[in-house]
């Protein structure tokens, strides 16, 4: 799910970073439907335009944050209690 939206984001990422770093982009299918200050505004606009369909709302960032899930890092996901 969202493969098409992610591929489209990656294809326009450099341009988005140049113009909208830190903002939120709304993509449905291969179409960029707007750039917003808040993710909530992007979601509302997506619902207004297309209804309740899969949509990509992503913050435009030069450097993607690395997320760590402690249970996975510490090997606790497979822990037997």
PDB file of N, CA and C in Angstrom:
ATOM      1  N   UNK A   1       0.838  -1.177   0.000  1.00  0.00           N
ATOM      2  CA  UNK A   1       0.000   0.000   0.000  1.00  0.00           C
ATOM      3  C   UNK A   1       0.884   1.242   0.000  1.00  0.00           C
ATOM      4  N   UNK A   2       0.505   2.237  -0.698  1.00  0.00           N
ATOM      5  CA  UNK A   2       1.187   3.526  -0.830  1.00  0.00           C
ATOM      6  C   UNK A   2       2.490   3.458  -1.629  1.00  0.00           C
ATOM      7  N   UNK A   3       2.729   2.353  -2.323  1.00  0.00           N
ATOM      8  CA  UNK A   3       3.961   2.259  -3.117  1.00  0.00           C
ATOM      9  C   UNK A   3       4.025   3.363  -4.169  1.00  0.00           C
ATOM     10  N   UNK A   4       2.892   3.606  -4.825  1.00  0.00           N
ATOM     11  CA  UNK A   4       2.840   4.630  -5.874  1.00  0.00           C
ATOM     12  C   UNK A   4       3.106   6.019  -5.281  1.00  0.00           C
ATOM     13  N   UNK A   5       2.508   6.303  -4.135  1.00  0.00           N
ATOM     14  CA  UNK A   5       2.692   7.609  -3.496  1.00  0.00           C
ATOM     15  C   UNK A   5       4.137   7.804  -3.034  1.00  0.00           C
ATOM     16  N   UNK A   6       4.712   6.763  -2.455  1.00  0.00           N
ATOM     17  CA  UNK A   6       6.104   6.854  -1.991  1.00  0.00           C
ATOM     18  C   UNK A   6       7.047   7.046  -3.175  1.00  0.00           C
ATOM     19  N   UNK A   7       6.816   6.323  -4.249  1.00  0.00           N
ATOM     20  CA  UNK A   7       7.659   6.472  -5.446  1.00  0.00           C
ATOM     21  C   UNK A   7       7.554   7.890  -5.994  1.00  0.00           C
ATOM     22  N   UNK A   8       6.345   8.441  -5.999  1.00  0.00           N
ATOM     23  CA  UNK A   8       6.172   9.815  -6.487  1.00  0.00           C
ATOM     24  C   UNK A   8       6.893  10.804  -5.573  1.00  0.00           C
ATOM     25  N   UNK A   9       6.764  10.617  -4.264  1.00  0.00           N
ATOM     26  CA  UNK A   9       7.471  11.483  -3.316  1.00  0.00           C
ATOM     27  C   UNK A   9       8.974  11.452  -3.586  1.00  0.00           C
ATOM     28  N   UNK A  10       9.522  10.260  -3.729  1.00  0.00           N
ATOM     29  CA  UNK A  10      10.962  10.138  -3.978  1.00  0.00           C
ATOM     30  C   UNK A  10      11.370  10.832  -5.272  1.00  0.00           C
ATOM     31  N   UNK A  11      10.502  10.810  -6.279  1.00  0.00           N
ATOM     32  CA  UNK A  11      10.842  11.425  -7.567  1.00  0.00           C
ATOM     33  C   UNK A  11      10.838  12.953  -7.506  1.00  0.00           C
ATOM     34  N   UNK A  12      10.125  13.539  -6.542  1.00  0.00           N
ATOM     35  CA  UNK A  12      10.055  15.005  -6.439  1.00  0.00           C
ATOM     36  C   UNK A  12      10.697  15.532  -5.156  1.00  0.00           C
ATOM     37  N   UNK A  13      11.323  14.634  -4.400  1.00  0.00           N
ATOM     38  CA  UNK A  13      11.864  14.979  -3.082  1.00  0.00           C
ATOM     39  C   UNK A  13      12.842  16.155  -3.123  1.00  0.00           C
ATOM     40  N   UNK A  14      13.779  16.146  -4.050  1.00  0.00           N
ATOM     41  CA  UNK A  14      14.786  17.220  -4.099  1.00  0.00           C
ATOM     42  C   UNK A  14      14.130  18.583  -4.284  1.00  0.00           C
ATOM     43  N   UNK A  15      13.152  18.657  -5.167  1.00  0.00           N
ATOM     44  CA  UNK A  15      12.442  19.918  -5.399  1.00  0.00           C
ATOM     45  C   UNK A  15      11.655  20.332  -4.156  1.00  0.00           C
ATOM     46  N   UNK A  16      11.012  19.371  -3.513  1.00  0.00           N
ATOM     47  CA  UNK A  16      10.264  19.673  -2.296  1.00  0.00           C
ATOM     48  C   UNK A  16      11.187  20.213  -1.205  1.00  0.00           C
ATOM     49  N   UNK A  17      12.339  19.593  -1.047  1.00  0.00           N
ATOM     50  CA  UNK A  17      13.293  20.044  -0.019  1.00  0.00           C
ATOM     51  C   UNK A  17      13.739  21.473  -0.291  1.00  0.00           C
ATOM     52  N   UNK A  18      14.006  21.797  -1.550  1.00  0.00           N
ATOM     53  CA  UNK A  18      14.438  23.154  -1.899  1.00  0.00           C
ATOM     54  C   UNK A  18      13.393  24.209  -1.532  1.00  0.00           C
ATOM     55  N   UNK A  19      12.128  23.862  -1.690  1.00  0.00           N
ATOM     56  CA  UNK A  19      11.072  24.862  -1.533  1.00  0.00           C
ATOM     57  C   UNK A  19      10.239  24.727  -0.257  1.00  0.00           C
ATOM     58  N   UNK A  20      10.161  23.525   0.310  1.00  0.00           N
ATOM     59  CA  UNK A  20       9.200  23.284   1.392  1.00  0.00           C
ATOM     60  C   UNK A  20       9.770  22.512   2.573  1.00  0.00           C
ATOM     61  N   UNK A  21      11.052  22.637   2.843  1.00  0.00           N
ATOM     62  CA  UNK A  21      11.674  21.902   3.941  1.00  0.00           C
ATOM     63  C   UNK A  21      10.917  22.160   5.248  1.00  0.00           C
ATOM     64  N   UNK A  22      10.525  21.080   5.908  1.00  0.00           N
ATOM     65  CA  UNK A  22       9.822  21.183   7.185  1.00  0.00           C
ATOM     66  C   UNK A  22       8.306  21.170   7.071  1.00  0.00           C
ATOM     67  N   UNK A  23       7.786  21.345   5.878  1.00  0.00           N
ATOM     68  CA  UNK A  23       6.332  21.355   5.673  1.00  0.00           C
ATOM     69  C   UNK A  23       5.840  19.927   5.409  1.00  0.00           C
ATOM     70  N   UNK A  24       4.527  19.771   5.295  1.00  0.00           N
ATOM     71  CA  UNK A  24       3.912  18.466   5.046  1.00  0.00           C
ATOM     72  C   UNK A  24       3.314  18.437   3.646  1.00  0.00           C
ATOM     73  N   UNK A  25       3.644  17.397   2.891  1.00  0.00           N
ATOM     74  CA  UNK A  25       3.136  17.249   1.524  1.00  0.00           C
ATOM     75  C   UNK A  25       2.050  16.173   1.514  1.00  0.00           C
ATOM     76  N   UNK A  26       1.020  16.415   0.702  1.00  0.00           N
ATOM     77  CA  UNK A  26      -0.076  15.468   0.516  1.00  0.00           C
ATOM     78  C   UNK A  26       0.021  14.890  -0.884  1.00  0.00           C
ATOM     79  N   UNK A  27       0.122  13.557  -0.962  1.00  0.00           N
ATOM     80  CA  UNK A  27       0.214  12.881  -2.252  1.00  0.00           C
ATOM     81  C   UNK A  27      -0.807  11.748  -2.275  1.00  0.00           C
ATOM     82  N   UNK A  28      -1.607  11.729  -3.351  1.00  0.00           N
ATOM     83  CA  UNK A  28      -2.529  10.628  -3.601  1.00  0.00           C
ATOM     84  C   UNK A  28      -2.262  10.150  -5.021  1.00  0.00           C
ATOM     85  N   UNK A  29      -1.927   8.878  -5.142  1.00  0.00           N
ATOM     86  CA  UNK A  29      -1.531   8.350  -6.445  1.00  0.00           C
ATOM     87  C   UNK A  29      -0.241   8.999  -6.892  1.00  0.00           C
ATOM     88  N   UNK A  30      -0.211   9.512  -8.107  1.00  0.00           N
ATOM     89  CA  UNK A  30       0.958  10.223  -8.642  1.00  0.00           C
ATOM     90  C   UNK A  30       0.741  11.718  -8.639  1.00  0.00           C
ATOM     91  N   UNK A  31      -0.083  12.197  -7.724  1.00  0.00           N
ATOM     92  CA  UNK A  31      -0.441  13.607  -7.729  1.00  0.00           C
ATOM     93  C   UNK A  31      -0.139  14.263  -6.388  1.00  0.00           C
ATOM     94  N   UNK A  32       0.640  15.331  -6.432  1.00  0.00           N
ATOM     95  CA  UNK A  32       0.891  16.146  -5.247  1.00  0.00           C
ATOM     96  C   UNK A  32      -0.283  17.117  -5.132  1.00  0.00           C
ATOM     97  N   UNK A  33      -1.012  17.027  -4.039  1.00  0.00           N
ATOM     98  CA  UNK A  33      -2.230  17.821  -3.886  1.00  0.00           C
ATOM     99  C   UNK A  33      -2.079  19.016  -2.970  1.00  0.00           C
ATOM    100  N   UNK A  34      -0.886  19.245  -2.463  1.00  0.00           N
ATOM    101  CA  UNK A  34      -0.682  20.434  -1.647  1.00  0.00           C
ATOM    102  C   UNK A  34       0.461  20.269  -0.674  1.00  0.00           C
ATOM    103  N   UNK A  35       0.867  21.409  -0.127  1.00  0.00           N
ATOM    104  CA  UNK A  35       1.901  21.469   0.900  1.00  0.00           C
ATOM    105  C   UNK A  35       1.322  22.289   2.043  1.00  0.00           C
ATOM    106  N   UNK A  36       1.503  21.816   3.271  1.00  0.00           N
ATOM    107  CA  UNK A  36       0.822  22.395   4.423  1.00  0.00           C
ATOM    108  C   UNK A  36       1.775  22.581   5.593  1.00  0.00           C
ATOM    109  N   UNK A  37       1.402  23.478   6.502  1.00  0.00           N
ATOM    110  CA  UNK A  37       2.200  23.702   7.708  1.00  0.00           C
ATOM    111  C   UNK A  37       1.995  22.587   8.733  1.00  0.00           C
ATOM    112  N   UNK A  38       0.792  22.001   8.753  1.00  0.00           N
ATOM    113  CA  UNK A  38       0.471  20.959   9.727  1.00  0.00           C
ATOM    114  C   UNK A  38      -0.073  19.724   9.006  1.00  0.00           C
ATOM    115  N   UNK A  39       0.248  18.555   9.542  1.00  0.00           N
ATOM    116  CA  UNK A  39      -0.225  17.308   8.943  1.00  0.00           C
ATOM    117  C   UNK A  39      -1.744  17.213   9.000  1.00  0.00           C
ATOM    118  N   UNK A  40      -2.339  17.787  10.029  1.00  0.00           N
ATOM    119  CA  UNK A  40      -3.796  17.760  10.155  1.00  0.00           C
ATOM    120  C   UNK A  40      -4.465  18.491   8.998  1.00  0.00           C
ATOM    121  N   UNK A  41      -3.865  19.591   8.578  1.00  0.00           N
ATOM    122  CA  UNK A  41      -4.416  20.354   7.450  1.00  0.00           C
ATOM    123  C   UNK A  41      -4.311  19.555   6.148  1.00  0.00           C
ATOM    124  N   UNK A  42      -3.219  18.830   5.987  1.00  0.00           N
ATOM    125  CA  UNK A  42      -3.049  17.994   4.795  1.00  0.00           C
ATOM    126  C   UNK A  42      -4.100  16.887   4.785  1.00  0.00           C
ATOM    127  N   UNK A  43      -4.344  16.279   5.930  1.00  0.00           N
ATOM    128  CA  UNK A  43      -5.337  15.215   6.011  1.00  0.00           C
ATOM    129  C   UNK A  43      -6.736  15.741   5.679  1.00  0.00           C
ATOM    130  N   UNK A  44      -7.089  16.867   6.267  1.00  0.00           N
ATOM    131  CA  UNK A  44      -8.403  17.461   5.996  1.00  0.00           C
ATOM    132  C   UNK A  44      -8.579  17.743   4.509  1.00  0.00           C
ATOM    133  N   UNK A  45      -7.543  18.264   3.874  1.00  0.00           N
ATOM    134  CA  UNK A  45      -7.621  18.571   2.447  1.00  0.00           C
ATOM    135  C   UNK A  45      -7.746  17.291   1.611  1.00  0.00           C
ATOM    136  N   UNK A  46      -7.028  16.259   1.993  1.00  0.00           N
ATOM    137  CA  UNK A  46      -7.124  14.992   1.286  1.00  0.00           C
ATOM    138  C   UNK A  46      -8.538  14.420   1.356  1.00  0.00           C
ATOM    139  N   UNK A  47      -9.149  14.503   2.517  1.00  0.00           N
ATOM    140  CA  UNK A  47     -10.524  14.024   2.690  1.00  0.00           C
ATOM    141  C   UNK A  47     -11.484  14.868   1.849  1.00  0.00           C
ATOM    142  N   UNK A  48     -11.279  16.196   1.849  1.00  0.00           N
ATOM    143  CA  UNK A  48     -12.137  17.080   1.043  1.00  0.00           C
ATOM    144  C   UNK A  48     -12.038  16.750  -0.447  1.00  0.00           C
ATOM    145  N   UNK A  49     -10.820  16.513  -0.918  1.00  0.00           N
ATOM    146  CA  UNK A  49     -10.601  16.313  -2.347  1.00  0.00           C
ATOM    147  C   UNK A  49     -10.952  14.910  -2.842  1.00  0.00           C
ATOM    148  N   UNK A  50     -10.613  13.881  -2.064  1.00  0.00           N
ATOM    149  CA  UNK A  50     -10.746  12.506  -2.562  1.00  0.00           C
ATOM    150  C   UNK A  50     -11.542  11.583  -1.649  1.00  0.00           C
ATOM    151  N   UNK A  51     -11.902  12.035  -0.467  1.00  0.00           N
ATOM    152  CA  UNK A  51     -12.605  11.160   0.451  1.00  0.00           C
ATOM    153  C   UNK A  51     -11.629  10.299   1.242  1.00  0.00           C
ATOM    154  N   UNK A  52     -12.165   9.250   1.831  1.00  0.00           N
ATOM    155  CA  UNK A  52     -11.362   8.379   2.692  1.00  0.00           C
ATOM    156  C   UNK A  52     -10.638   7.330   1.852  1.00  0.00           C
ATOM    157  N   UNK A  53      -9.550   7.744   1.232  1.00  0.00           N
ATOM    158  CA  UNK A  53      -8.727   6.867   0.404  1.00  0.00           C
ATOM    159  C   UNK A  53      -7.310   6.854   0.968  1.00  0.00           C
ATOM    160  N   UNK A  54      -6.498   5.857   0.602  1.00  0.00           N
ATOM    161  CA  UNK A  54      -5.099   5.881   1.048  1.00  0.00           C
ATOM    162  C   UNK A  54      -4.401   7.134   0.527  1.00  0.00           C
ATOM    163  N   UNK A  55      -3.668   7.801   1.417  1.00  0.00           N
ATOM    164  CA  UNK A  55      -2.936   9.008   1.040  1.00  0.00           C
ATOM    165  C   UNK A  55      -1.638   9.072   1.822  1.00  0.00           C
ATOM    166  N   UNK A  56      -0.641   9.659   1.193  1.00  0.00           N
ATOM    167  CA  UNK A  56       0.648   9.851   1.845  1.00  0.00           C
ATOM    168  C   UNK A  56       0.731  11.290   2.320  1.00  0.00           C
ATOM    169  N   UNK A  57       0.918  11.455   3.617  1.00  0.00           N
ATOM    170  CA  UNK A  57       1.176  12.775   4.204  1.00  0.00           C
ATOM    171  C   UNK A  57       2.533  12.633   4.867  1.00  0.00           C
ATOM    172  N   UNK A  58       3.492  13.373   4.350  1.00  0.00           N
ATOM    173  CA  UNK A  58       4.871  13.192   4.818  1.00  0.00           C
ATOM    174  C   UNK A  58       5.538  14.529   5.029  1.00  0.00           C
ATOM    175  N   UNK A  59       6.279  14.633   6.128  1.00  0.00           N
ATOM    176  CA  UNK A  59       7.031  15.856   6.364  1.00  0.00           C
ATOM    177  C   UNK A  59       8.263  15.854   5.473  1.00  0.00           C
ATOM    178  N   UNK A  60       8.452  16.954   4.791  1.00  0.00           N
ATOM    179  CA  UNK A  60       9.587  17.115   3.882  1.00  0.00           C
ATOM    180  C   UNK A  60      10.807  17.459   4.729  1.00  0.00           C
ATOM    181  N   UNK A  61      11.833  16.615   4.641  1.00  0.00           N
ATOM    182  CA  UNK A  61      13.047  16.841   5.443  1.00  0.00           C
ATOM    183  C   UNK A  61      14.285  16.483   4.638  1.00  0.00           C
ATOM    184  N   UNK A  62      15.298  17.278   4.814  1.00  0.00           N
ATOM    185  CA  UNK A  62      16.589  17.004   4.186  1.00  0.00           C
ATOM    186  C   UNK A  62      17.152  15.690   4.720  1.00  0.00           C
ATOM    187  N   UNK A  63      17.096  15.534   6.043  1.00  0.00           N
ATOM    188  CA  UNK A  63      17.631  14.332   6.689  1.00  0.00           C
ATOM    189  C   UNK A  63      16.494  13.645   7.427  1.00  0.00           C
ATOM    190  N   UNK A  64      16.212  12.418   7.048  1.00  0.00           N
ATOM    191  CA  UNK A  64      15.158  11.648   7.694  1.00  0.00           C
ATOM    192  C   UNK A  64      15.625  11.233   9.084  1.00  0.00           C
ATOM    193  N   UNK A  65      14.768  11.377  10.095  1.00  0.00           N
ATOM    194  CA  UNK A  65      15.156  10.948  11.445  1.00  0.00           C
ATOM    195  C   UNK A  65      15.244   9.426  11.522  1.00  0.00           C
ATOM    196  N   UNK A  66      16.144   8.948  12.345  1.00  0.00           N
ATOM    197  CA  UNK A  66      16.279   7.518  12.568  1.00  0.00           C
ATOM    198  C   UNK A  66      15.471   7.184  13.802  1.00  0.00           C
ATOM    199  N   UNK A  67      14.566   6.234  13.668  1.00  0.00           N
ATOM    200  CA  UNK A  67      13.734   5.853  14.797  1.00  0.00           C
ATOM    201  C   UNK A  67      14.232   4.531  15.343  1.00  0.00           C
ATOM    202  N   UNK A  68      14.295   4.462  16.658  1.00  0.00           N
ATOM    203  CA  UNK A  68      14.738   3.237  17.294  1.00  0.00           C
ATOM    204  C   UNK A  68      13.597   2.688  18.134  1.00  0.00           C
ATOM    205  N   UNK A  69      13.396   1.411  18.033  1.00  0.00           N
ATOM    206  CA  UNK A  69      12.396   0.733  18.839  1.00  0.00           C
ATOM    207  C   UNK A  69      13.167  -0.108  19.848  1.00  0.00           C
ATOM    208  N   UNK A  70      13.186   0.334  21.118  1.00  0.00           N
ATOM    209  CA  UNK A  70      14.035  -0.332  22.116  1.00  0.00           C
ATOM    210  C   UNK A  70      13.853  -1.839  22.183  1.00  0.00           C
ATOM    211  N   UNK A  71      12.648  -2.329  22.076  1.00  0.00           N
ATOM    212  CA  UNK A  71      12.428  -3.775  22.169  1.00  0.00           C
ATOM    213  C   UNK A  71      13.151  -4.511  21.056  1.00  0.00           C
ATOM    214  N   UNK A  72      13.198  -3.919  19.870  1.00  0.00           N
ATOM    215  CA  UNK A  72      13.898  -4.576  18.762  1.00  0.00           C
ATOM    216  C   UNK A  72      15.404  -4.466  18.940  1.00  0.00           C
ATOM    217  N   UNK A  73      15.878  -3.289  19.380  1.00  0.00           N
ATOM    218  CA  UNK A  73      17.313  -3.088  19.574  1.00  0.00           C
ATOM    219  C   UNK A  73      17.862  -4.032  20.636  1.00  0.00           C
ATOM    220  N   UNK A  74      17.090  -4.217  21.702  1.00  0.00           N
ATOM    221  CA  UNK A  74      17.540  -5.054  22.808  1.00  0.00           C
ATOM    222  C   UNK A  74      17.191  -6.522  22.611  1.00  0.00           C
ATOM    223  N   UNK A  75      16.552  -6.859  21.509  1.00  0.00           N
ATOM    224  CA  UNK A  75      16.207  -8.244  21.236  1.00  0.00           C
ATOM    225  C   UNK A  75      15.050  -8.767  22.068  1.00  0.00           C
ATOM    226  N   UNK A  76      14.202  -7.871  22.556  1.00  0.00           N
ATOM    227  CA  UNK A  76      13.102  -8.299  23.416  1.00  0.00           C
ATOM    228  C   UNK A  76      11.860  -8.729  22.636  1.00  0.00           C
ATOM    229  N   UNK A  77      11.840  -8.481  21.347  1.00  0.00           N
ATOM    230  CA  UNK A  77      10.687  -8.857  20.528  1.00  0.00           C
ATOM    231  C   UNK A  77      10.463 -10.374  20.602  1.00  0.00           C
ATOM    232  N   UNK A  78      11.531 -11.142  20.635  1.00  0.00           N
ATOM    233  CA  UNK A  78      11.424 -12.594  20.648  1.00  0.00           C
ATOM    234  C   UNK A  78      11.648 -13.190  22.041  1.00  0.00           C
ATOM    235  N   UNK A  79      11.548 -12.369  23.058  1.00  0.00           N
ATOM    236  CA  UNK A  79      11.777 -12.847  24.409  1.00  0.00           C
ATOM    237  C   UNK A  79      10.692 -13.833  24.825  1.00  0.00           C
ATOM    238  N   UNK A  80      11.092 -14.895  25.465  1.00  0.00           N
ATOM    239  CA  UNK A  80      10.146 -15.886  25.994  1.00  0.00           C
ATOM    240  C   UNK A  80      10.055 -15.673  27.493  1.00  0.00           C
ATOM    241  N   UNK A  81       8.871 -15.354  27.939  1.00  0.00           N
ATOM    242  CA  UNK A  81       8.689 -15.067  29.361  1.00  0.00           C
ATOM    243  C   UNK A  81       8.221 -16.300  30.075  1.00  0.00           C
TER     244      UNK A  81
END
